[in-house]
Amino acid sequence: METAFFSASAINLLVNLAYSIMALLVGVYGLLWVDARLLKQIDLQEELKNGNMAVSLFASSILFFVAIVIAFGFRG
């Protein structure tokens, strides 16, 4: 019985880990897509290097949303 429990837990962990990695990649590529398509006049990476706080808050809010999605993925 213990091996069945551990194997089920390991499978659940792997599924949640795969979901989290996929959600993280989607979030980062989503941020890059927003940068490339919607904000054509603004270069997020350059503005971050210049210390623009508004751009850093915008980028962090998108990544924070991804973190919330990942947290709900771990909850099951």
Foldseek 3Di string as FASTA:
>chain_A
DVVVVVVVVVVLVVVLVVVLVVLQVCLVVVVVCCQVPVVPVDHLVVCVVVPPPVSVVVSVVSNVVSVVVSVVSNVD
